[in-house]
């Protein structure tokens, strides 16, 4: 179970919550 997979899952979870985020928040998520 690699760390990269854990990071991917974390990002996916964040993206799912991005609908309530503003554009700056979305850019921060994409930067990850």
Foldseek 3Di string as FASTA:
>chain_A
DDVVVVVVVVLVVLVVVCVPPDPVSVVVSVVD
